[in-house]
């Protein structure tokens, strides 16, 4: 039996997992995808800002010598990454991004005290990360990869994402990604794991060929493409001239394809023949 893929027109899709069943119209799925895209682009801005800022900091001998860590956060219409000293009580460099995430719009190399906002964010981040040593969260990372925390305030509470990164060449580190939601004091109230494991996606074939498009499957409990999927692809896909990736949703029975140049997710139907 052959299968072909087509972009969906208006239809109703049944989401089934466990003993529950829910029907989604095409419009409802697109509303959900729009929300995911907003979150994905925010995650990308945080991570891209951190990538560029830490690279710049490490290129500066004086900053590199004092480097104790970094904090990225949103302030009005800007994304800021500050570099702090080894004592974790002084900002020694600040990189400000507004609309260009290829380089900072402003770079400030000067020592100053943390602002109150920065103090609260860094303290909350540390409180959340301390809790992740609890085995019930099953947080881990394979050798050759690392976990990058992204803290986002939300309605006087917080969300902390963990996204896997790597310095290895020709691999996109999908999977092994988490979301922890906390109260205003940073105490974890709920959490989820988007994928059951790390899904290292290689951009070259064993015989030296070039991969042009990638896909992976989701758990039934995670039926939609995730903001972490899209963020990871935006970070790494550009490095290897990849423009599209897709996920298969067993719960929805469809593929969801992200296109980098359009910065959009399309619904793709599986048609059996």
Protein backbone atom coordinates (compact mmCIF):
# COMPACT_ATOMS: atom_id res chain seq x y z
CA UNK A 1 0.00 0.00 0.00
CA UNK A 2 1.55 3.31 -1.10
CA UNK A 3 1.38 6.49 0.94
CA UNK A 4 1.51 10.03 -0.43
CA UNK A 5 1.56 13.33 1.44
CA UNK A 6 -0.59 16.35 0.67
CA UNK A 7 -1.13 19.71 2.35
CA UNK A 8 -4.44 19.55 4.22
CA UNK A 9 -7.51 21.49 3.25
CA UNK A 10 -10.35 21.92 5.75
CA UNK A 11 -10.97 18.68 7.61
CA UNK A 12 -11.38 17.26 11.08
CA UNK A 13 -8.58 15.26 12.70
CA UNK A 14 -9.10 12.94 15.65
CA UNK A 15 -6.53 13.04 18.42
CA UNK A 16 -6.52 9.73 20.31
CA UNK A 17 -4.32 8.65 23.18
CA UNK A 18 -5.09 6.59 26.26
CA UNK A 19 -8.84 6.33 26.52
CA UNK A 20 -9.49 9.90 25.41
CA UNK A 21 -10.43 11.17 21.98
CA UNK A 22 -10.61 14.78 20.83
CA UNK A 23 -11.34 16.14 17.38
CA UNK A 24 -9.47 19.14 15.99
CA UNK A 25 -10.45 21.12 12.92
CA UNK A 26 -7.76 22.40 10.61
CA UNK A 27 -8.36 25.93 11.94
CA UNK A 28 -7.96 24.77 15.56
CA UNK A 29 -4.68 23.06 14.74
CA UNK A 30 -3.42 26.20 13.00
CA UNK A 31 -4.28 28.31 16.05
CA UNK A 32 -2.27 25.88 18.18
CA UNK A 33 0.62 26.01 15.69
CA UNK A 34 0.59 29.84 15.74
CA UNK A 35 0.97 29.73 19.52
CA UNK A 36 3.83 27.23 19.25
CA UNK A 37 5.57 29.44 16.69
CA UNK A 38 5.43 32.46 19.02
CA UNK A 39 7.06 30.42 21.80
CA UNK A 40 9.61 28.88 19.41
CA UNK A 41 10.75 32.27 18.15
CA UNK A 42 11.12 33.57 21.70
CA UNK A 43 13.21 30.52 22.64
CA UNK A 44 15.32 31.06 19.53
CA UNK A 45 15.93 34.71 20.42
CA UNK A 46 17.05 33.72 23.93
CA UNK A 47 19.35 30.95 22.70
CA UNK A 48 20.79 32.86 19.73
CA UNK A 49 21.50 35.82 21.99
CA UNK A 50 23.28 33.52 24.45
CA UNK A 51 25.29 31.85 21.64
CA UNK A 52 26.55 35.10 20.17
CA UNK A 53 27.14 36.82 23.51
CA UNK A 54 29.16 34.00 25.05
CA UNK A 55 31.22 33.70 21.85
CA UNK A 56 31.99 37.41 21.98
CA UNK A 57 32.79 37.23 25.68
CA UNK A 58 35.21 34.36 25.14
CA UNK A 59 36.97 36.31 22.38
CA UNK A 60 37.72 39.08 24.88
CA UNK A 61 40.68 38.04 27.07
CA UNK A 62 39.70 40.25 30.02
CA UNK A 63 36.11 39.01 30.07
CA UNK A 64 37.13 35.39 29.51
CA UNK A 65 39.45 35.55 32.53
CA UNK A 66 36.60 36.70 34.82
CA UNK A 67 33.80 34.71 33.12
CA UNK A 68 31.52 33.09 35.72
CA UNK A 69 28.36 32.53 33.71
CA UNK A 70 25.60 34.35 31.87
CA UNK A 71 21.94 35.28 32.10
CA UNK A 72 19.60 36.00 29.19
CA UNK A 73 16.28 37.79 29.60
CA UNK A 74 13.75 39.95 27.81
CA UNK A 75 13.42 43.63 28.66
CA UNK A 76 10.68 45.52 26.79
CA UNK A 77 11.54 45.10 23.09
CA UNK A 78 15.08 43.82 23.67
CA UNK A 79 16.76 40.55 24.53
CA UNK A 80 19.76 40.96 26.82
CA UNK A 81 22.55 38.60 27.74
CA UNK A 82 24.73 39.66 30.62
CA UNK A 83 28.03 38.02 31.50
CA UNK A 84 28.77 37.87 35.22
CA UNK A 85 31.97 37.33 37.16
CA UNK A 86 33.08 34.19 38.98
CA UNK A 87 31.64 35.48 42.27
CA UNK A 88 28.27 35.80 40.51
CA UNK A 89 27.55 39.26 41.89
CA UNK A 90 28.77 41.62 39.15
CA UNK A 91 27.85 42.07 35.50
CA UNK A 92 31.06 42.48 33.48
CA UNK A 93 29.60 42.66 29.97
CA UNK A 94 26.18 43.20 28.41
CA UNK A 95 24.95 42.42 24.91
CA UNK A 96 21.64 43.87 23.70
CA UNK A 97 19.63 42.50 20.75
CA UNK A 98 16.59 44.16 19.21
CA UNK A 99 15.88 42.99 15.67
CA UNK A 100 19.12 41.45 14.43
CA UNK A 101 20.18 38.18 15.98
CA UNK A 102 23.31 37.89 13.89
CA UNK A 103 25.08 40.41 16.12
CA UNK A 104 24.15 42.58 19.11
CA UNK A 105 22.67 46.01 18.48
CA UNK A 106 24.65 47.27 21.46
CA UNK A 107 27.64 45.95 23.40
CA UNK A 108 28.63 47.31 26.82
CA UNK A 109 31.92 46.20 28.36
CA UNK A 110 31.83 47.60 31.89
CA UNK A 111 31.51 46.29 35.41
CA UNK A 112 28.31 47.04 37.29
CA UNK A 113 26.03 45.60 39.96
CA UNK A 114 23.10 43.39 39.01
CA UNK A 115 19.77 45.15 38.62
CA UNK A 116 16.96 43.95 40.89
CA UNK A 117 15.40 42.12 37.93
CA UNK A 118 18.67 40.34 37.18
CA UNK A 119 19.13 39.39 40.84
CA UNK A 120 15.64 37.87 40.99
CA UNK A 121 15.99 36.02 37.68
CA UNK A 122 19.39 34.55 38.53
CA UNK A 123 18.26 33.52 42.01
CA UNK A 124 15.10 31.89 40.62
CA UNK A 125 17.09 30.09 37.93
CA UNK A 126 19.44 28.65 40.54
CA UNK A 127 16.51 27.56 42.75
CA UNK A 128 14.88 25.70 39.84
CA UNK A 129 18.11 24.05 38.68
CA UNK A 130 18.81 22.81 42.23
CA UNK A 131 15.48 20.94 42.18
CA UNK A 132 16.38 19.14 38.96
CA UNK A 133 18.81 16.89 40.82
CA UNK A 134 15.73 15.00 42.07
CA UNK A 135 15.65 11.63 40.30
CA UNK A 136 11.90 11.92 39.64
CA UNK A 137 12.62 14.42 36.88
CA UNK A 138 15.04 12.02 35.17
CA UNK A 139 17.12 14.87 33.75
CA UNK A 140 20.29 13.73 32.04
CA UNK A 141 22.38 14.31 28.95
CA UNK A 142 24.51 11.94 26.85
CA UNK A 143 28.24 12.47 26.50
CA UNK A 144 29.12 15.05 23.87
CA UNK A 145 25.95 17.06 24.47
CA UNK A 146 24.88 19.70 27.01
CA UNK A 147 21.66 21.09 28.45
CA UNK A 148 20.89 24.78 28.04
CA UNK A 149 18.38 26.32 30.49
CA UNK A 150 16.08 29.10 29.29
CA UNK A 151 14.15 30.93 32.01
CA UNK A 152 11.03 32.89 31.00
CA UNK A 153 8.81 34.82 33.45
CA UNK A 154 5.09 34.29 32.87
CA UNK A 155 2.22 35.87 34.82
CA UNK A 156 4.28 36.26 38.01
CA UNK A 157 5.40 32.64 37.66
CA UNK A 158 8.20 31.07 35.64
CA UNK A 159 8.88 28.59 32.87
CA UNK A 160 12.25 26.95 32.53
CA UNK A 161 13.05 25.07 29.33
CA UNK A 162 15.97 22.70 28.99
CA UNK A 163 17.17 22.34 25.39
CA UNK A 164 19.98 20.03 24.34
CA UNK A 165 22.96 21.55 22.57
CA UNK A 166 26.20 20.24 21.12
CA UNK A 167 29.51 21.44 19.72
CA UNK A 168 29.75 18.36 17.50
CA UNK A 169 29.70 18.93 13.76
CA UNK A 170 26.98 17.71 11.36
CA UNK A 171 24.41 16.85 13.99
CA UNK A 172 21.15 18.52 15.05
CA UNK A 173 20.34 17.64 18.71
CA UNK A 174 16.58 17.14 18.64
CA UNK A 175 14.95 15.66 21.74
CA UNK A 176 16.00 15.39 25.39
CA UNK A 177 14.08 18.61 26.03
CA UNK A 178 12.02 19.60 29.04
CA UNK A 179 9.66 22.28 30.34
CA UNK A 180 9.32 23.05 34.06
CA UNK A 181 6.62 25.42 35.28
CA UNK A 182 7.00 26.98 38.71
CA UNK A 183 5.30 29.25 41.21
CA UNK A 184 6.52 32.80 41.84
CA UNK A 185 9.25 31.49 44.14
CA UNK A 186 10.66 29.02 41.62
CA UNK A 187 9.13 25.89 43.16
CA UNK A 188 8.30 23.41 40.39
CA UNK A 189 4.53 22.85 40.06
CA UNK A 190 4.43 20.82 36.83
CA UNK A 191 6.78 19.54 34.18
CA UNK A 192 6.89 17.65 30.90
CA UNK A 193 9.39 15.95 28.64
CA UNK A 194 8.72 16.59 24.95
CA UNK A 195 10.62 13.55 23.63
CA UNK A 196 11.46 10.23 25.27
CA UNK A 197 15.15 10.54 24.43
CA UNK A 198 17.80 12.44 22.54
CA UNK A 199 17.32 12.24 18.76
CA UNK A 200 20.68 13.18 17.22
CA UNK A 201 19.91 13.91 13.57
CA UNK A 202 22.94 13.72 11.30
CA UNK A 203 23.26 16.10 8.38
CA UNK A 204 25.56 13.89 6.31
CA UNK A 205 25.21 10.26 5.21
CA UNK A 206 27.82 7.53 5.92
CA UNK A 207 29.09 7.79 2.34
CA UNK A 208 29.56 11.55 2.59
CA UNK A 209 26.28 12.65 1.03
CA UNK A 210 24.31 15.63 2.28
CA UNK A 211 20.96 15.29 4.06
CA UNK A 212 18.40 17.72 2.64
CA UNK A 213 15.45 17.16 4.99
CA UNK A 214 14.91 15.42 8.35
CA UNK A 215 11.97 13.92 10.21
CA UNK A 216 11.28 12.23 13.53
CA UNK A 217 8.24 10.84 15.33
CA UNK A 218 6.55 12.17 18.46
CA UNK A 219 5.00 10.40 21.42
CA UNK A 220 1.22 10.16 21.41
CA UNK A 221 1.25 12.32 24.54
CA UNK A 222 3.05 15.07 22.58
CA UNK A 223 0.96 15.28 19.39
CA UNK A 224 2.13 18.65 18.08
CA UNK A 225 5.46 19.88 16.84
CA UNK A 226 7.18 21.50 19.82
CA UNK A 227 8.62 24.96 20.27
CA UNK A 228 11.87 23.27 21.28
CA UNK A 229 11.93 21.33 17.97
CA UNK A 230 11.61 24.55 15.99
CA UNK A 231 14.11 26.47 18.11
CA UNK A 232 16.69 23.70 17.75
CA UNK A 233 16.22 23.56 13.98
CA UNK A 234 16.49 27.34 13.62
CA UNK A 235 19.78 27.23 15.53
CA UNK A 236 21.38 24.24 13.80
CA UNK A 237 19.58 23.92 10.45
CA UNK A 238 21.07 27.20 9.24
CA UNK A 239 24.56 25.86 9.92
CA UNK A 240 24.02 23.00 7.45
CA UNK A 241 21.87 24.74 4.82
CA UNK A 242 18.75 22.81 5.79
CA UNK A 243 15.43 24.53 5.18
CA UNK A 244 12.81 22.00 6.33
CA UNK A 245 12.16 19.33 8.90
CA UNK A 246 9.00 17.49 9.89
CA UNK A 247 7.58 15.47 12.75
CA UNK A 248 5.12 12.61 12.47
CA UNK A 249 2.28 12.74 14.99
CA UNK A 250 0.86 9.24 15.63
CA UNK A 251 -1.87 10.81 17.77
CA UNK A 252 -3.08 13.03 14.90
CA UNK A 253 -2.08 10.77 12.01
CA UNK A 254 -0.40 13.63 10.17
CA UNK A 255 3.00 15.18 9.53
CA UNK A 256 3.76 18.73 10.65
CA UNK A 257 6.43 20.34 8.48
CA UNK A 258 8.42 23.43 9.47
CA UNK A 259 9.87 25.63 6.72
CA UNK A 260 12.73 27.88 7.82
CA UNK A 261 12.55 30.42 4.99
CA UNK A 262 8.81 30.89 5.59
CA UNK A 263 9.19 30.48 9.37
CA UNK A 264 5.95 28.54 9.27
CA UNK A 265 4.54 25.09 10.07
CA UNK A 266 2.33 23.34 7.52
CA UNK A 267 -0.06 20.46 8.13
CA UNK A 268 0.56 17.48 5.86
CA UNK A 269 -1.96 14.68 5.42
CA UNK A 270 -1.09 11.03 4.85
CA UNK A 271 -3.22 9.64 2.04
CA UNK A 272 -3.27 5.84 1.65
CA UNK A 273 -3.59 4.38 -1.85
